[in-house]
Amino acid sequence: MLFFSFFKTLVDQEVVVELKNDIEIKGVLKSVDQYLNLKLDNISCTNETKYPHLTSVKNLFIRGSTVRYVRINPNAVDCTLLQDASRREAMQAAK
């Protein structure tokens, strides 16, 4: 639940999602669900010459199991909130 809660705080932020098939997609995160499926708006492919079929797509749903990495702006992360949430989850797991 930690990652789900963390990604919920990133809604309306710009992210770059790298898929397992090496496609990198940049867009605005609109929603995330408990399976870490992502919905992106205003997308653009970082390598449009290799994937020209993605130039006409503006909104995208990405299944969570196909995601390799999600890159975010470091300034968008509240480190103290993330550390507190990690501690709480570790405490609950220890019980």
C-alpha atoms as a PDB file:
ATOM      1  CA  MET A   1       0.000   0.000   0.000  1.00  0.00           C
ATOM      2  CA  LEU A   2       2.977   2.301   0.439  1.00  0.00           C
ATOM      3  CA  PHE A   3       3.626   2.646  -3.286  1.00  0.00           C
ATOM      4  CA  PHE A   4      -0.062   3.128  -4.041  1.00  0.00           C
ATOM      5  CA  SER A   5      -0.285   5.925  -1.455  1.00  0.00           C
ATOM      6  CA  PHE A   6       2.917   7.471  -2.766  1.00  0.00           C
ATOM      7  CA  PHE A   7       1.720   7.506  -6.371  1.00  0.00           C
ATOM      8  CA  LYS A   8      -1.606   9.025  -5.290  1.00  0.00           C
ATOM      9  CA  THR A   9       0.357  12.070  -4.099  1.00  0.00           C
ATOM     10  CA  LEU A  10       1.876  12.419  -7.593  1.00  0.00           C
ATOM     11  CA  VAL A  11      -1.429  12.928  -9.413  1.00  0.00           C
ATOM     12  CA  ASP A  12      -1.264  15.912 -11.814  1.00  0.00           C
ATOM     13  CA  GLN A  13       2.566  15.750 -11.865  1.00  0.00           C
ATOM     14  CA  GLU A  14       4.616  15.064 -14.989  1.00  0.00           C
ATOM     15  CA  VAL A  15       6.235  11.614 -15.006  1.00  0.00           C
ATOM     16  CA  VAL A  16       8.237   9.487 -17.419  1.00  0.00           C
ATOM     17  CA  VAL A  17       7.185   5.832 -17.537  1.00  0.00           C
ATOM     18  CA  GLU A  18       9.569   3.256 -18.968  1.00  0.00           C
ATOM     19  CA  LEU A  19       7.825   0.091 -20.063  1.00  0.00           C
ATOM     20  CA  LYS A  20       9.306  -3.392 -20.103  1.00  0.00           C
ATOM     21  CA  ASN A  21       9.466  -3.248 -23.912  1.00  0.00           C
ATOM     22  CA  ASP A  22      11.828  -0.196 -23.675  1.00  0.00           C
ATOM     23  CA  ILE A  23       9.257   2.447 -24.683  1.00  0.00           C
ATOM     24  CA  GLU A  24       9.519   5.635 -22.621  1.00  0.00           C
ATOM     25  CA  ILE A  25       6.399   7.763 -22.337  1.00  0.00           C
ATOM     26  CA  LYS A  26       6.238  11.205 -20.748  1.00  0.00           C
ATOM     27  CA  GLY A  27       2.922  12.573 -19.568  1.00  0.00           C
ATOM     28  CA  VAL A  28       0.819  13.963 -16.736  1.00  0.00           C
ATOM     29  CA  LEU A  29      -0.270  11.327 -14.228  1.00  0.00           C
ATOM     30  CA  LYS A  30      -4.064  11.489 -13.934  1.00  0.00           C
ATOM     31  CA  SER A  31      -4.841   8.447 -11.804  1.00  0.00           C
ATOM     32  CA  VAL A  32      -3.422   5.311 -10.263  1.00  0.00           C
ATOM     33  CA  ASP A  33      -5.228   2.293  -8.806  1.00  0.00           C
ATOM     34  CA  GLN A  34      -4.340  -0.420  -6.292  1.00  0.00           C
ATOM     35  CA  TYR A  35      -2.718  -2.527  -9.065  1.00  0.00           C
ATOM     36  CA  LEU A  36      -0.495   0.463  -9.954  1.00  0.00           C
ATOM     37  CA  ASN A  37      -2.212   0.855 -13.305  1.00  0.00           C
ATOM     38  CA  LEU A  38      -1.543   4.383 -14.550  1.00  0.00           C
ATOM     39  CA  LYS A  39      -3.593   6.821 -16.616  1.00  0.00           C
ATOM     40  CA  LEU A  40      -1.572   9.528 -18.383  1.00  0.00           C
ATOM     41  CA  ASP A  41      -2.724  12.653 -20.247  1.00  0.00           C
ATOM     42  CA  ASN A  42      -0.846  14.786 -22.784  1.00  0.00           C
ATOM     43  CA  ILE A  43       1.619  12.019 -23.520  1.00  0.00           C
ATOM     44  CA  SER A  44       4.643  12.120 -25.758  1.00  0.00           C
ATOM     45  CA  CYS A  45       7.073   9.355 -26.587  1.00  0.00           C
ATOM     46  CA  THR A  46      10.687  10.221 -25.828  1.00  0.00           C
ATOM     47  CA  ASN A  47      11.849   8.380 -28.983  1.00  0.00           C
ATOM     48  CA  GLU A  48       9.210   9.320 -31.567  1.00  0.00           C
ATOM     49  CA  THR A  49      11.399   8.337 -34.510  1.00  0.00           C
ATOM     50  CA  LYS A  50      11.449   4.727 -33.304  1.00  0.00           C
ATOM     51  CA  TYR A  51       7.748   4.653 -32.319  1.00  0.00           C
ATOM     52  CA  PRO A  52       5.906   6.983 -34.757  1.00  0.00           C
ATOM     53  CA  HIS A  53       2.558   5.297 -34.094  1.00  0.00           C
ATOM     54  CA  LEU A  54       2.493   6.917 -30.629  1.00  0.00           C
ATOM     55  CA  THR A  55       2.541  10.492 -31.966  1.00  0.00           C
ATOM     56  CA  SER A  56      -1.223  10.543 -32.504  1.00  0.00           C
ATOM     57  CA  VAL A  57      -2.052   9.248 -29.010  1.00  0.00           C
ATOM     58  CA  LYS A  58      -2.741  11.866 -26.311  1.00  0.00           C
ATOM     59  CA  ASN A  59      -4.228   9.840 -23.420  1.00  0.00           C
ATOM     60  CA  LEU A  60      -3.016   6.456 -22.296  1.00  0.00           C
ATOM     61  CA  PHE A  61      -3.805   3.669 -19.843  1.00  0.00           C
ATOM     62  CA  ILE A  62      -0.780   1.639 -18.753  1.00  0.00           C
ATOM     63  CA  ARG A  63      -1.194  -1.682 -17.026  1.00  0.00           C
ATOM     64  CA  GLY A  64       0.922  -1.815 -13.879  1.00  0.00           C
ATOM     65  CA  SER A  65       2.541  -5.153 -14.738  1.00  0.00           C
ATOM     66  CA  THR A  66       4.126  -3.655 -17.881  1.00  0.00           C
ATOM     67  CA  VAL A  67       5.937  -0.836 -16.047  1.00  0.00           C
ATOM     68  CA  ARG A  68       9.685  -1.100 -15.502  1.00  0.00           C
ATOM     69  CA  TYR A  69      10.416   2.354 -14.055  1.00  0.00           C
ATOM     70  CA  VAL A  70       8.579   5.547 -13.213  1.00  0.00           C
ATOM     71  CA  ARG A  71      10.780   8.629 -13.195  1.00  0.00           C
ATOM     72  CA  ILE A  72       9.536  11.659 -11.311  1.00  0.00           C
ATOM     73  CA  ASN A  73      10.787  15.117 -10.521  1.00  0.00           C
ATOM     74  CA  PRO A  74      12.771  14.918  -7.239  1.00  0.00           C
ATOM     75  CA  ASN A  75      11.213  18.197  -6.117  1.00  0.00           C
ATOM     76  CA  ALA A  76       7.756  16.576  -6.238  1.00  0.00           C
ATOM     77  CA  VAL A  77       8.647  14.059  -3.503  1.00  0.00           C
ATOM     78  CA  ASP A  78       7.957  14.910   0.122  1.00  0.00           C
ATOM     79  CA  CYS A  79      10.760  12.876   1.728  1.00  0.00           C
ATOM     80  CA  THR A  80       9.624  13.336   5.323  1.00  0.00           C
ATOM     81  CA  LEU A  81       6.122  12.094   4.499  1.00  0.00           C
ATOM     82  CA  LEU A  82       7.578   9.107   2.641  1.00  0.00           C
ATOM     83  CA  GLN A  83       9.907   8.258   5.529  1.00  0.00           C
ATOM     84  CA  ASP A  84       7.076   8.447   8.059  1.00  0.00           C
ATOM     85  CA  ALA A  85       4.868   6.214   5.934  1.00  0.00           C
ATOM     86  CA  SER A  86       7.726   3.708   5.539  1.00  0.00           C
ATOM     87  CA  ARG A  87       8.235   3.615   9.299  1.00  0.00           C
ATOM     88  CA  ARG A  88       4.532   3.088   9.956  1.00  0.00           C
ATOM     89  CA  GLU A  89       4.360   0.233   7.443  1.00  0.00           C
ATOM     90  CA  ALA A  90       7.485  -1.402   8.906  1.00  0.00           C
ATOM     91  CA  MET A  91       6.012  -1.138  12.420  1.00  0.00           C
ATOM     92  CA  GLN A  92       2.778  -2.788  11.277  1.00  0.00           C
ATOM     93  CA  ALA A  93       4.699  -5.589   9.548  1.00  0.00           C
ATOM     94  CA  ALA A  94       6.701  -6.258  12.717  1.00  0.00           C
ATOM     95  CA  LYS A  95       3.567  -6.842  14.812  1.00  0.00           C
END
